[in-house]
Amino acid sequence: MTDGIFATSVFFRLAIGGNDLGAFHTCSGLGAEVEIEQYAEGGNNGFAWQLPGRITWSNITLTRPVTADTAKIARWLDEILRKVEPKDGEIVALKPDLSRIVSWQVLGAVPVRWQGPSFDPANSEAAVETLEIAHEGLRPS
């Protein structure tokens, strides 16, 4: 694939604090919002200054079918439950041939929610797990 052409299937590899947590099929929440404070300067009625303030980072949610990597999440959560300590990590978007598309450094990541699979023999859909993490910021890596 060349630059400018979109990948048809993308996978996301997640590693936090040196723990490779495996590949995920979806990744959402890569975003930030800057609070803006308006300041109306006296005598200037044409506009108000837009002053940037605090940055709020969205939680990142990753999902995948249950695989052998599910055990990696369980071990990581067990480690975190003993001592919650924000750690840096990385999310890498990969093409089907596992070549890198783009990656982000995730600063100060901590797990917020893990939803394990629902096993229902009457349902033919794949069992899916979801991991949600909060963080202190993203940087391109």
C-alpha atoms as a PDB file:
ATOM      1  CA  MET A   1       0.000   0.000   0.000  1.00  0.00           C
ATOM      2  CA  THR A   2       1.202   3.514  -0.715  1.00  0.00           C
ATOM      3  CA  ASP A   3       0.729   6.644   1.353  1.00  0.00           C
ATOM      4  CA  GLY A   4      -2.691   8.193   0.856  1.00  0.00           C
ATOM      5  CA  ILE A   5      -4.426   4.848   0.320  1.00  0.00           C
ATOM      6  CA  PHE A   6      -6.406   3.623   3.286  1.00  0.00           C
ATOM      7  CA  ALA A   7      -5.851   0.199   4.835  1.00  0.00           C
ATOM      8  CA  THR A   8      -8.852  -2.087   4.548  1.00  0.00           C
ATOM      9  CA  SER A   9      -8.178  -3.910   7.829  1.00  0.00           C
ATOM     10  CA  VAL A  10      -6.332  -2.409  10.751  1.00  0.00           C
ATOM     11  CA  PHE A  11      -5.187  -4.056  13.972  1.00  0.00           C
ATOM     12  CA  PHE A  12      -4.016  -2.257  17.096  1.00  0.00           C
ATOM     13  CA  ARG A  13      -1.185  -3.591  19.254  1.00  0.00           C
ATOM     14  CA  LEU A  14      -1.184  -2.381  22.867  1.00  0.00           C
ATOM     15  CA  ALA A  15       1.751  -2.401  25.274  1.00  0.00           C
ATOM     16  CA  ILE A  16       1.709  -0.708  28.689  1.00  0.00           C
ATOM     17  CA  GLY A  17       4.590  -0.544  31.145  1.00  0.00           C
ATOM     18  CA  GLY A  18       6.562  -3.129  29.192  1.00  0.00           C
ATOM     19  CA  ASN A  19       3.598  -5.550  29.069  1.00  0.00           C
ATOM     20  CA  ASP A  20       2.616  -6.585  25.531  1.00  0.00           C
ATOM     21  CA  LEU A  21      -1.167  -6.918  25.849  1.00  0.00           C
ATOM     22  CA  GLY A  22      -1.677  -8.196  22.306  1.00  0.00           C
ATOM     23  CA  ALA A  23      -3.612  -7.103  19.241  1.00  0.00           C
ATOM     24  CA  PHE A  24      -7.095  -5.564  19.233  1.00  0.00           C
ATOM     25  CA  HIS A  25      -9.561  -5.235  16.365  1.00  0.00           C
ATOM     26  CA  THR A  26     -11.016  -1.848  17.318  1.00  0.00           C
ATOM     27  CA  CYS A  27      -9.634   1.240  19.024  1.00  0.00           C
ATOM     28  CA  SER A  28     -11.713   4.315  19.844  1.00  0.00           C
ATOM     29  CA  GLY A  29     -11.289   7.404  21.983  1.00  0.00           C
ATOM     30  CA  LEU A  30      -7.969   8.673  20.649  1.00  0.00           C
ATOM     31  CA  GLY A  31      -8.783  12.301  21.246  1.00  0.00           C
ATOM     32  CA  ALA A  32      -8.474  15.418  23.330  1.00  0.00           C
ATOM     33  CA  GLU A  33     -10.536  18.494  24.071  1.00  0.00           C
ATOM     34  CA  VAL A  34      -9.144  21.916  24.952  1.00  0.00           C
ATOM     35  CA  GLU A  35     -11.265  24.088  27.240  1.00  0.00           C
ATOM     36  CA  ILE A  36     -11.539  27.602  25.818  1.00  0.00           C
ATOM     37  CA  GLU A  37     -12.034  30.657  27.986  1.00  0.00           C
ATOM     38  CA  GLN A  38     -13.454  33.724  26.282  1.00  0.00           C
ATOM     39  CA  TYR A  39     -12.071  37.079  27.337  1.00  0.00           C
ATOM     40  CA  ALA A  40     -13.911  40.215  26.212  1.00  0.00           C
ATOM     41  CA  GLU A  41     -11.381  43.030  26.150  1.00  0.00           C
ATOM     42  CA  GLY A  42     -12.775  46.403  27.223  1.00  0.00           C
ATOM     43  CA  GLY A  43     -13.381  48.782  24.313  1.00  0.00           C
ATOM     44  CA  ASN A  44     -12.990  46.016  21.706  1.00  0.00           C
ATOM     45  CA  ASN A  45     -16.498  45.023  20.664  1.00  0.00           C
ATOM     46  CA  GLY A  46     -15.505  43.233  17.434  1.00  0.00           C
ATOM     47  CA  PHE A  47     -14.445  39.951  19.017  1.00  0.00           C
ATOM     48  CA  ALA A  48     -13.558  38.145  22.232  1.00  0.00           C
ATOM     49  CA  TRP A  49     -10.160  36.552  22.808  1.00  0.00           C
ATOM     50  CA  GLN A  50     -10.229  32.736  22.753  1.00  0.00           C
ATOM     51  CA  LEU A  51      -7.730  31.584  25.394  1.00  0.00           C
ATOM     52  CA  PRO A  52      -6.791  27.884  25.551  1.00  0.00           C
ATOM     53  CA  GLY A  53      -7.065  26.248  28.949  1.00  0.00           C
ATOM     54  CA  ARG A  54      -6.975  22.729  30.347  1.00  0.00           C
ATOM     55  CA  ILE A  55      -6.728  19.705  28.041  1.00  0.00           C
ATOM     56  CA  THR A  56      -9.041  16.764  28.699  1.00  0.00           C
ATOM     57  CA  TRP A  57      -8.051  13.392  27.189  1.00  0.00           C
ATOM     58  CA  SER A  58     -10.708  10.874  26.173  1.00  0.00           C
ATOM     59  CA  ASN A  59     -10.572   7.355  27.566  1.00  0.00           C
ATOM     60  CA  ILE A  60      -9.352   4.816  25.004  1.00  0.00           C
ATOM     61  CA  THR A  61     -11.467   1.719  24.405  1.00  0.00           C
ATOM     62  CA  LEU A  62     -10.091  -1.361  22.650  1.00  0.00           C
ATOM     63  CA  THR A  63     -12.025  -4.514  21.749  1.00  0.00           C
ATOM     64  CA  ARG A  64     -11.168  -7.923  20.336  1.00  0.00           C
ATOM     65  CA  PRO A  65     -12.425 -11.468  20.174  1.00  0.00           C
ATOM     66  CA  VAL A  66     -11.219 -13.652  23.025  1.00  0.00           C
ATOM     67  CA  THR A  67      -7.805 -15.113  22.165  1.00  0.00           C
ATOM     68  CA  ALA A  68      -4.789 -16.456  24.020  1.00  0.00           C
ATOM     69  CA  ASP A  69      -3.896 -12.766  24.593  1.00  0.00           C
ATOM     70  CA  THR A  70      -6.895 -12.497  26.946  1.00  0.00           C
ATOM     71  CA  ALA A  71      -4.715 -14.112  29.621  1.00  0.00           C
ATOM     72  CA  LYS A  72      -2.228 -11.226  29.211  1.00  0.00           C
ATOM     73  CA  ILE A  73      -4.955  -8.762  30.194  1.00  0.00           C
ATOM     74  CA  ALA A  74      -5.898 -10.878  33.221  1.00  0.00           C
ATOM     75  CA  ARG A  75      -2.259 -10.998  34.416  1.00  0.00           C
ATOM     76  CA  TRP A  76      -1.808  -7.246  33.837  1.00  0.00           C
ATOM     77  CA  LEU A  77      -5.019  -6.410  35.725  1.00  0.00           C
ATOM     78  CA  ASP A  78      -3.953  -8.683  38.599  1.00  0.00           C
ATOM     79  CA  GLU A  79      -0.639  -6.793  38.775  1.00  0.00           C
ATOM     80  CA  ILE A  80      -2.388  -3.395  38.656  1.00  0.00           C
ATOM     81  CA  LEU A  81      -4.923  -4.336  41.347  1.00  0.00           C
ATOM     82  CA  ARG A  82      -2.064  -4.854  43.802  1.00  0.00           C
ATOM     83  CA  LYS A  83      -0.638  -1.385  43.144  1.00  0.00           C
ATOM     84  CA  VAL A  84      -2.323   1.073  40.788  1.00  0.00           C
ATOM     85  CA  GLU A  85       0.493   3.016  39.196  1.00  0.00           C
ATOM     86  CA  PRO A  86       0.119   4.950  35.928  1.00  0.00           C
ATOM     87  CA  LYS A  87       2.554   3.656  33.311  1.00  0.00           C
ATOM     88  CA  ASP A  88       3.417   4.769  29.816  1.00  0.00           C
ATOM     89  CA  GLY A  89       2.558   2.578  26.866  1.00  0.00           C
ATOM     90  CA  GLU A  90       2.100   2.504  23.124  1.00  0.00           C
ATOM     91  CA  ILE A  91      -0.707   1.831  20.673  1.00  0.00           C
ATOM     92  CA  VAL A  92       0.437   0.807  17.197  1.00  0.00           C
ATOM     93  CA  ALA A  93      -1.928   0.640  14.220  1.00  0.00           C
ATOM     94  CA  LEU A  94      -0.898  -2.250  11.960  1.00  0.00           C
ATOM     95  CA  LYS A  95      -1.799  -3.368   8.445  1.00  0.00           C
ATOM     96  CA  PRO A  96      -2.849  -7.016   7.912  1.00  0.00           C
ATOM     97  CA  ASP A  97       0.787  -7.851   7.035  1.00  0.00           C
ATOM     98  CA  LEU A  98       1.683  -6.412  10.504  1.00  0.00           C
ATOM     99  CA  SER A  99       3.601  -3.447   9.083  1.00  0.00           C
ATOM    100  CA  ARG A 100       3.246  -0.238  11.081  1.00  0.00           C
ATOM    101  CA  ILE A 101       0.822   2.468   9.901  1.00  0.00           C
ATOM    102  CA  VAL A 102       1.055   4.912  12.808  1.00  0.00           C
ATOM    103  CA  SER A 103       1.674   4.756  16.549  1.00  0.00           C
ATOM    104  CA  TRP A 104       0.974   6.805  19.657  1.00  0.00           C
ATOM    105  CA  GLN A 105       2.774   6.944  22.968  1.00  0.00           C
ATOM    106  CA  VAL A 106       0.178   6.775  25.759  1.00  0.00           C
ATOM    107  CA  LEU A 107       1.288   8.632  28.892  1.00  0.00           C
ATOM    108  CA  GLY A 108       0.254   7.586  32.397  1.00  0.00           C
ATOM    109  CA  ALA A 109      -2.176   4.836  31.408  1.00  0.00           C
ATOM    110  CA  VAL A 110      -4.356   3.065  33.977  1.00  0.00           C
ATOM    111  CA  PRO A 111      -7.181   0.590  33.381  1.00  0.00           C
ATOM    112  CA  VAL A 112     -10.678   1.970  33.956  1.00  0.00           C
ATOM    113  CA  ARG A 113     -12.809  -0.974  32.864  1.00  0.00           C
ATOM    114  CA  TRP A 114     -12.437  -4.474  31.517  1.00  0.00           C
ATOM    115  CA  GLN A 115     -15.484  -6.291  30.212  1.00  0.00           C
ATOM    116  CA  GLY A 116     -14.989  -9.988  29.693  1.00  0.00           C
ATOM    117  CA  PRO A 117     -16.810 -12.049  27.116  1.00  0.00           C
ATOM    118  CA  SER A 118     -20.369 -13.310  27.398  1.00  0.00           C
ATOM    119  CA  PHE A 119     -20.557 -16.987  26.530  1.00  0.00           C
ATOM    120  CA  ASP A 120     -23.904 -17.963  25.079  1.00  0.00           C
ATOM    121  CA  PRO A 121     -24.101 -21.236  23.124  1.00  0.00           C
ATOM    122  CA  ALA A 122     -27.300 -20.002  21.437  1.00  0.00           C
ATOM    123  CA  ASN A 123     -25.431 -17.005  19.995  1.00  0.00           C
ATOM    124  CA  SER A 124     -23.087 -17.628  17.060  1.00  0.00           C
ATOM    125  CA  GLU A 125     -21.160 -14.355  17.499  1.00  0.00           C
ATOM    126  CA  ALA A 126     -17.551 -14.392  18.676  1.00  0.00           C
ATOM    127  CA  ALA A 127     -16.939 -13.840  22.390  1.00  0.00           C
ATOM    128  CA  VAL A 128     -15.532 -10.300  22.710  1.00  0.00           C
ATOM    129  CA  GLU A 129     -13.595  -8.531  25.447  1.00  0.00           C
ATOM    130  CA  THR A 130     -13.320  -4.766  25.942  1.00  0.00           C
ATOM    131  CA  LEU A 131     -10.573  -2.822  27.705  1.00  0.00           C
ATOM    132  CA  GLU A 132     -10.925   0.854  28.599  1.00  0.00           C
ATOM    133  CA  ILE A 133      -7.946   2.884  29.766  1.00  0.00           C
ATOM    134  CA  ALA A 134      -7.605   6.430  31.080  1.00  0.00           C
ATOM    135  CA  HIS A 135      -4.402   8.346  30.419  1.00  0.00           C
ATOM    136  CA  GLU A 136      -2.613  11.657  30.869  1.00  0.00           C
ATOM    137  CA  GLY A 137      -1.891  12.333  27.197  1.00  0.00           C
ATOM    138  CA  LEU A 138      -0.900  11.062  23.748  1.00  0.00           C
ATOM    139  CA  ARG A 139       2.175  11.756  21.647  1.00  0.00           C
ATOM    140  CA  PRO A 140       3.044  10.510  18.186  1.00  0.00           C
ATOM    141  CA  SER A 141       5.812   7.920  18.388  1.00  0.00           C
END
